[in-house]
Amino acid sequence: MKRSLLFSLVLLAFIGLACQQEKSVSDSVSEKSENSAEEIVAIVIHGGAGVMSRDRMSEEKQKEYIAKLDEAISKGHSILRDGGTAMEAVQRTINILEDSPLFNAGKGAVFNHEGYNELDASIMDGQTLNAGAVAGITNVKNPINLAYEVMANSDHVLLSGSGAQEFAKTRNIEMVDTSYFATPSRLEALKRAQNKTALLNWEDKKFGTVGCVALDKDGNIVAGTSTGGMTNKRWNRIGDSPIIGAGTYANNATCGVSSTGWGEYFIRLAVAHDISAQMLYKNTSLQEAAEDVILKKLPEIGGDGGIVALDKDGNISMVFNTPGMFRASIDKNGEKTIKIFK
């Protein structure tokens, strides 16, 4: 009897220990799974869409664009990989593109009809749906940084012109003389645009707007866009880039989107928001929604251009209806892609 009781007690103790070990292993696997989910990061950028083609762009020029896209996407991804926020990654990535004369944003902004540069930008936080934007500014080195300040440190979403620049001074944003933006290639493009008999080249026909969408380890999506607008634009024209829902949109429940193209059409279709709305209301995938808007709806009303986007699961979409779009991405598996043409 005593032996039987002793055996039963030992057996119960063994079973209890085994159960505890199994629970520990289960908890460890669960914790590892949760941590892995938290550590998903992804980033995607564009540098404009247009009619560029391999036979009209030299190999040297292609290499220049690819190198700069690589520098920008690598910077943003390193911030995310090291635990930084999507908000920081988007700004620092776009800063690199804004500081390059290759793209129609910041340093490389195109000229308006009067012969100076008017810059626009916007940024949106997918967690809070807070957003900031600026339009028609002329002496801010990095417009995306000012858009962030509007979002984070004002009661407004969109500031324009001299008012936006006054606000920039209160936030210690870096200002530059307007001559900073006077790149020779953009001046030549303006002359060609104003001379109706001149032969336009591929650079005149591309939309060099830059944009970035990032997903950080906390599952937050941020989208940002920056541009110099359209060459030879008049009457303080403002395109889609600073318009939340057209040029930029982010919602953690769906996706983040940055647009590039003929802004008037992107505004009319609320392109960036439409992609998110289709995912939310129709339960479509990011790729399906993007293709519906960019490859079907946009051409139907005469618009062209493209978008880059990523969803809450880190899936990336880069869709355009033009011959090319400068673009790059690093997906949730760490795979880098850099392309110009279709």
Protein backbone atom coordinates (compact mmCIF):
# COMPACT_ATOMS: atom_id res chain seq x y z
CA MET A 1 0.00 0.00 0.00
CA LYS A 2 2.78 2.37 0.96
CA ARG A 3 4.71 1.43 -2.18
CA SER A 4 1.64 2.06 -4.31
CA LEU A 5 1.06 5.47 -2.71
CA LEU A 6 4.72 6.41 -3.11
CA PHE A 7 4.65 5.36 -6.77
CA SER A 8 1.52 7.46 -7.36
CA LEU A 9 3.11 10.52 -5.77
CA VAL A 10 6.27 10.17 -7.85
CA LEU A 11 4.20 9.72 -11.02
CA LEU A 12 2.13 12.82 -10.28
CA ALA A 13 5.29 14.85 -9.62
CA PHE A 14 6.81 13.65 -12.91
CA ILE A 15 3.65 14.54 -14.86
CA GLY A 16 3.54 17.96 -13.22
CA LEU A 17 7.17 18.64 -14.14
CA ALA A 18 6.57 17.52 -17.73
CA CYS A 19 3.53 19.78 -18.02
CA GLN A 20 5.48 22.72 -16.65
CA GLN A 21 8.29 22.13 -19.15
CA GLU A 22 5.77 21.85 -22.00
CA LYS A 23 4.16 25.13 -20.89
CA SER A 24 7.57 26.82 -20.77
CA VAL A 25 8.36 25.64 -24.30
CA SER A 26 4.91 26.77 -25.49
CA ASP A 27 5.33 30.18 -23.85
CA SER A 28 8.78 30.52 -25.38
CA VAL A 29 7.50 29.70 -28.88
CA SER A 30 4.56 32.07 -28.42
CA GLU A 31 6.82 34.86 -27.20
CA LYS A 32 9.22 34.27 -30.09
CA SER A 33 6.32 34.38 -32.55
CA GLU A 34 5.02 37.63 -31.08
CA ASN A 35 8.47 39.20 -31.18
CA SER A 36 8.92 38.12 -34.81
CA ALA A 37 5.64 39.77 -35.73
CA GLU A 38 6.70 42.96 -34.02
CA GLU A 39 10.00 42.98 -35.86
CA ILE A 40 8.54 43.03 -39.38
CA VAL A 41 9.84 46.13 -41.15
CA ALA A 42 9.57 47.21 -44.78
CA ILE A 43 10.13 50.31 -46.87
CA VAL A 44 9.40 51.45 -50.42
CA ILE A 45 10.27 54.65 -52.32
CA HIS A 46 9.71 56.32 -55.67
CA GLY A 47 11.52 59.09 -57.51
CA GLY A 48 8.93 59.91 -60.15
CA ALA A 49 7.16 58.26 -63.07
CA GLY A 50 7.22 59.20 -66.74
CA VAL A 51 8.15 58.37 -70.32
CA MET A 52 11.79 57.49 -69.70
CA SER A 53 13.09 54.55 -71.71
CA ARG A 54 16.33 52.58 -71.90
CA ASP A 55 17.24 53.80 -75.38
CA ARG A 56 16.84 57.48 -74.36
CA MET A 57 18.65 57.33 -71.03
CA SER A 58 22.38 56.70 -70.97
CA GLU A 59 23.81 53.89 -68.85
CA GLU A 60 25.73 56.48 -66.85
CA LYS A 61 22.52 58.35 -66.01
CA GLN A 62 20.76 55.10 -65.10
CA LYS A 63 23.60 54.26 -62.73
CA GLU A 64 23.30 57.70 -61.11
CA TYR A 65 19.63 57.20 -60.38
CA ILE A 66 20.09 53.65 -59.17
CA ALA A 67 22.91 54.69 -56.82
CA LYS A 68 20.85 57.47 -55.27
CA LEU A 69 17.78 55.25 -54.89
CA ASP A 70 20.01 52.65 -53.26
CA GLU A 71 21.45 55.21 -50.86
CA ALA A 72 18.00 56.45 -49.87
CA ILE A 73 16.31 53.07 -49.42
CA SER A 74 19.30 51.70 -47.50
CA LYS A 75 19.24 54.66 -45.11
CA GLY A 76 15.57 54.25 -44.37
CA HIS A 77 15.83 50.51 -43.89
CA SER A 78 18.80 50.83 -41.54
CA ILE A 79 16.73 53.14 -39.33
CA LEU A 80 13.89 50.60 -39.24
CA ARG A 81 16.21 47.64 -38.72
CA ASP A 82 17.84 49.38 -35.76
CA GLY A 83 14.48 49.92 -34.10
CA GLY A 84 13.77 53.43 -35.35
CA THR A 85 10.30 54.71 -36.17
CA ALA A 86 8.65 54.80 -39.56
CA MET A 87 8.25 58.55 -39.09
CA GLU A 88 12.01 59.04 -38.84
CA ALA A 89 12.72 56.59 -41.66
CA VAL A 90 10.39 58.38 -44.08
CA GLN A 91 11.82 61.82 -43.35
CA ARG A 92 15.48 60.82 -43.54
CA THR A 93 14.91 58.79 -46.70
CA ILE A 94 13.10 61.64 -48.45
CA ASN A 95 15.78 64.09 -47.29
CA ILE A 96 18.34 62.18 -49.35
CA LEU A 97 16.14 62.43 -52.45
CA GLU A 98 15.34 66.11 -51.75
CA ASP A 99 19.06 66.90 -51.51
CA SER A 100 19.77 65.35 -54.92
CA PRO A 101 19.40 67.37 -58.15
CA LEU A 102 18.27 64.17 -59.90
CA PHE A 103 14.72 64.39 -58.60
CA ASN A 104 11.97 66.99 -58.81
CA ALA A 105 11.96 67.77 -55.09
CA GLY A 106 14.09 70.03 -52.93
CA LYS A 107 17.39 70.75 -54.67
CA GLY A 108 16.18 69.39 -58.02
CA ALA A 109 12.79 71.14 -58.05
CA VAL A 110 11.49 72.35 -61.41
CA PHE A 111 10.82 76.01 -62.21
CA ASN A 112 7.43 77.64 -62.50
CA HIS A 113 6.41 80.01 -65.32
CA GLU A 114 7.84 83.03 -63.51
CA GLY A 115 11.25 81.38 -63.15
CA TYR A 116 11.41 80.33 -59.51
CA ASN A 117 10.69 77.15 -57.53
CA GLU A 118 7.56 76.37 -55.52
CA LEU A 119 7.78 73.25 -53.38
CA ASP A 120 5.11 71.04 -51.80
CA ALA A 121 5.23 68.13 -49.35
CA SER A 122 3.09 66.06 -47.02
CA ILE A 123 3.40 63.33 -44.41
CA MET A 124 0.86 61.13 -42.60
CA ASP A 125 0.93 58.89 -39.53
CA GLY A 126 -1.07 55.70 -39.98
CA GLN A 127 -1.50 55.14 -36.25
CA THR A 128 -3.15 58.46 -35.38
CA LEU A 129 -4.28 59.56 -38.87
CA ASN A 130 -2.56 62.84 -38.09
CA ALA A 131 -1.04 64.59 -41.08
CA GLY A 132 0.92 67.67 -42.08
CA ALA A 133 1.53 69.38 -45.40
CA VAL A 134 3.02 72.50 -47.00
CA ALA A 135 2.49 74.04 -50.42
CA GLY A 136 4.07 76.78 -52.49
CA ILE A 137 7.13 77.32 -50.30
CA THR A 138 10.27 78.81 -51.84
CA ASN A 139 13.11 78.84 -49.31
CA VAL A 140 12.85 75.69 -47.17
CA LYS A 141 15.67 73.23 -47.90
CA ASN A 142 13.71 70.10 -46.98
CA PRO A 143 9.96 70.55 -47.33
CA ILE A 144 9.16 67.12 -45.85
CA ASN A 145 10.66 68.26 -42.54
CA LEU A 146 8.38 71.29 -42.47
CA ALA A 147 5.37 69.10 -43.27
CA TYR A 148 6.24 67.03 -40.21
CA GLU A 149 6.41 70.16 -38.05
CA VAL A 150 2.96 71.21 -39.26
CA MET A 151 1.66 67.80 -38.22
CA ALA A 152 3.45 67.59 -34.90
CA ASN A 153 3.48 71.20 -33.71
CA SER A 154 0.46 73.01 -35.10
CA ASP A 155 -3.31 72.67 -35.05
CA HIS A 156 -3.42 72.51 -38.82
CA VAL A 157 -2.87 70.05 -41.65
CA LEU A 158 -1.89 72.26 -44.61
CA LEU A 159 0.03 75.55 -44.61
CA SER A 160 1.01 77.42 -47.76
CA GLY A 161 3.26 80.17 -49.09
CA SER A 162 4.62 82.90 -46.85
CA GLY A 163 2.59 81.67 -43.87
CA ALA A 164 4.20 78.25 -44.04
CA GLN A 165 7.63 79.89 -44.25
CA GLU A 166 6.90 82.07 -41.21
CA PHE A 167 5.92 78.92 -39.33
CA ALA A 168 9.17 77.29 -40.48
CA LYS A 169 11.16 80.02 -38.74
CA THR A 170 9.39 79.33 -35.44
CA ARG A 171 10.40 75.65 -35.71
CA ASN A 172 14.06 76.31 -36.61
CA ILE A 173 13.69 74.61 -39.99
CA GLU A 174 16.71 75.03 -42.28
CA MET A 175 16.12 77.82 -44.78
CA VAL A 176 18.11 78.52 -47.93
CA ASP A 177 18.41 81.27 -50.50
CA THR A 178 16.20 80.63 -53.52
CA SER A 179 19.33 80.32 -55.67
CA TYR A 180 19.95 76.96 -53.95
CA PHE A 181 17.28 75.41 -56.19
CA ALA A 182 18.57 76.92 -59.46
CA THR A 183 19.97 73.84 -61.19
CA PRO A 184 21.00 74.29 -64.86
CA SER A 185 19.07 71.26 -66.13
CA ARG A 186 15.81 72.53 -64.66
CA LEU A 187 16.35 75.98 -66.16
CA GLU A 188 16.86 74.38 -69.56
CA ALA A 189 13.69 72.36 -69.07
CA LEU A 190 11.78 75.59 -68.37
CA LYS A 191 13.11 77.18 -71.55
CA ARG A 192 12.06 74.15 -73.60
CA ALA A 193 8.62 74.17 -72.01
CA GLN A 194 8.14 77.86 -72.80
CA ASN A 195 9.41 77.47 -76.37
CA LYS A 196 6.63 75.53 -78.04
CA THR A 197 8.85 74.77 -81.02
CA ALA A 198 11.55 73.17 -78.87
CA LEU A 199 11.93 69.39 -78.74
CA LEU A 200 11.20 68.14 -75.23
CA ASN A 201 13.39 65.37 -73.83
CA TRP A 202 12.51 62.48 -71.52
CA GLU A 203 13.37 64.49 -68.41
CA ASP A 204 10.76 67.09 -69.31
CA LYS A 205 8.13 64.37 -69.53
CA LYS A 206 8.73 62.60 -66.24
CA PHE A 207 7.16 63.38 -62.92
CA GLY A 208 10.11 63.53 -60.53
CA THR A 209 8.12 63.73 -57.32
CA VAL A 210 9.68 61.65 -54.53
CA GLY A 211 7.92 59.59 -51.91
CA CYS A 212 8.40 56.97 -49.23
CA VAL A 213 6.24 54.58 -47.23
CA ALA A 214 7.63 52.68 -44.23
CA LEU A 215 6.41 50.06 -41.75
CA ASP A 216 8.25 49.90 -38.42
CA LYS A 217 8.58 47.13 -35.82
CA ASP A 218 5.61 48.48 -33.87
CA GLY A 219 3.33 48.05 -36.88
CA ASN A 220 3.09 51.76 -37.61
CA ILE A 221 2.84 52.91 -41.23
CA VAL A 222 3.99 56.37 -42.34
CA ALA A 223 3.78 57.83 -45.85
CA GLY A 224 5.41 60.99 -47.18
CA THR A 225 5.70 62.82 -50.51
CA SER A 226 7.75 65.82 -51.69
CA THR A 227 7.80 67.64 -55.03
CA GLY A 228 8.59 70.74 -57.06
CA GLY A 229 5.38 70.32 -59.04
CA MET A 230 5.11 70.79 -62.81
CA THR A 231 7.59 72.62 -65.03
CA ASN A 232 6.22 75.98 -66.19
CA LYS A 233 3.25 75.85 -63.80
CA ARG A 234 1.35 79.13 -63.30
CA TRP A 235 -0.87 80.94 -60.83
CA ASN A 236 0.56 79.20 -57.76
CA ARG A 237 -0.70 75.85 -59.00
CA ILE A 238 -0.75 73.12 -56.35
CA GLY A 239 -0.82 69.45 -57.28
CA ASP A 240 -1.64 66.28 -55.39
CA SER A 241 1.56 65.90 -53.36
CA PRO A 242 0.48 68.06 -50.40
CA ILE A 243 -3.13 66.87 -50.56
CA ILE A 244 -3.87 64.19 -47.97
CA GLY A 245 -5.80 61.39 -49.64
CA ALA A 246 -4.53 62.23 -53.12
CA GLY A 247 -0.73 62.31 -53.00
CA THR A 248 -0.25 60.81 -49.54
CA TYR A 249 -2.26 58.57 -47.23
CA ALA A 250 -1.54 56.19 -44.35
CA ASN A 251 -3.76 54.06 -42.14
CA ASN A 252 -2.43 51.24 -39.98
CA ALA A 253 -5.64 49.29 -40.61
CA THR A 254 -4.90 49.12 -44.34
CA CYS A 255 -1.84 50.63 -45.99
CA GLY A 256 0.32 53.65 -46.75
CA VAL A 257 0.53 55.23 -50.21
CA SER A 258 2.69 57.87 -51.93
CA SER A 259 1.74 59.04 -55.43
CA THR A 260 3.58 60.46 -58.42
CA GLY A 261 2.02 61.64 -61.64
CA TRP A 262 -0.24 64.27 -63.14
CA GLY A 263 -1.54 65.75 -59.89
CA GLU A 264 -4.85 67.12 -61.10
CA TYR A 265 -6.07 63.62 -61.91
CA PHE A 266 -4.78 62.16 -58.66
CA ILE A 267 -6.73 64.83 -56.78
CA ARG A 268 -9.94 64.13 -58.71
CA LEU A 269 -9.78 60.43 -57.85
CA ALA A 270 -8.37 60.82 -54.32
CA VAL A 271 -5.99 58.10 -55.48
CA ALA A 272 -4.11 57.36 -52.26
CA HIS A 273 -7.25 57.19 -50.14
CA ASP A 274 -9.16 55.16 -52.73
CA ILE A 275 -6.58 52.39 -52.52
CA SER A 276 -6.92 52.29 -48.73
CA ALA A 277 -10.72 52.48 -48.91
CA GLN A 278 -10.96 49.52 -51.29
CA MET A 279 -8.92 47.44 -48.86
CA LEU A 280 -11.07 48.51 -45.92
CA TYR A 281 -14.54 48.29 -47.47
CA LYS A 282 -14.11 45.65 -50.18
CA ASN A 283 -11.45 43.56 -48.43
CA THR A 284 -9.27 43.61 -51.54
CA SER A 285 -5.52 43.11 -51.39
CA LEU A 286 -3.16 46.06 -51.68
CA GLN A 287 -2.02 44.97 -55.15
CA GLU A 288 -5.59 44.53 -56.41
CA ALA A 289 -6.64 47.95 -55.14
CA ALA A 290 -3.55 49.67 -56.55
CA GLU A 291 -3.99 48.08 -59.97
CA ASP A 292 -7.68 49.00 -60.07
CA VAL A 293 -6.93 52.67 -59.38
CA ILE A 294 -3.72 53.16 -61.37
CA LEU A 295 -4.28 50.82 -64.32
CA LYS A 296 -8.03 51.26 -64.73
CA LYS A 297 -9.59 54.31 -63.08
CA LEU A 298 -6.74 56.78 -63.70
CA PRO A 299 -6.33 56.14 -67.46
CA GLU A 300 -10.10 56.26 -67.93
CA ILE A 301 -10.09 59.97 -67.07
CA GLY A 302 -6.81 60.72 -68.87
CA GLY A 303 -4.37 60.57 -65.95
CA ASP A 304 -0.97 58.94 -65.78
CA GLY A 305 1.58 58.20 -63.09
CA GLY A 306 2.01 55.65 -60.34
CA ILE A 307 2.16 54.85 -56.65
CA VAL A 308 4.29 53.01 -54.14
CA ALA A 309 2.57 51.47 -51.15
CA LEU A 310 2.82 48.87 -48.43
CA ASP A 311 0.19 47.28 -46.22
CA LYS A 312 0.00 46.42 -42.53
CA ASP A 313 1.54 43.00 -43.20
CA GLY A 314 4.54 44.44 -45.03
CA ASN A 315 3.36 43.56 -48.55
CA ILE A 316 4.71 46.05 -51.12
CA SER A 317 3.09 47.42 -54.28
CA MET A 318 4.70 49.56 -56.98
CA VAL A 319 2.18 50.18 -59.77
CA PHE A 320 2.40 52.70 -62.64
CA ASN A 321 0.85 53.23 -66.06
CA THR A 322 3.81 55.06 -67.61
CA PRO A 323 6.86 53.50 -69.36
CA GLY A 324 8.94 53.86 -66.21
CA MET A 325 9.04 54.84 -62.56
CA PHE A 326 12.13 55.30 -60.41
CA ARG A 327 11.49 52.96 -57.50
CA ALA A 328 13.12 50.84 -54.83
CA SER A 329 12.04 48.68 -51.93
CA ILE A 330 13.32 46.46 -49.15
CA ASP A 331 10.66 43.97 -48.15
CA LYS A 332 9.91 42.23 -44.85
CA ASN A 333 12.43 39.51 -45.75
CA GLY A 334 15.18 42.06 -46.32
CA GLU A 335 15.17 41.63 -50.11
CA LYS A 336 16.13 44.81 -51.98
CA THR A 337 14.69 45.78 -55.36
CA ILE A 338 15.71 48.82 -57.44
CA LYS A 339 14.16 49.48 -60.86
CA ILE A 340 13.53 52.23 -63.39
CA PHE A 341 11.67 50.69 -66.32
CA LYS A 342 8.84 48.20 -66.60
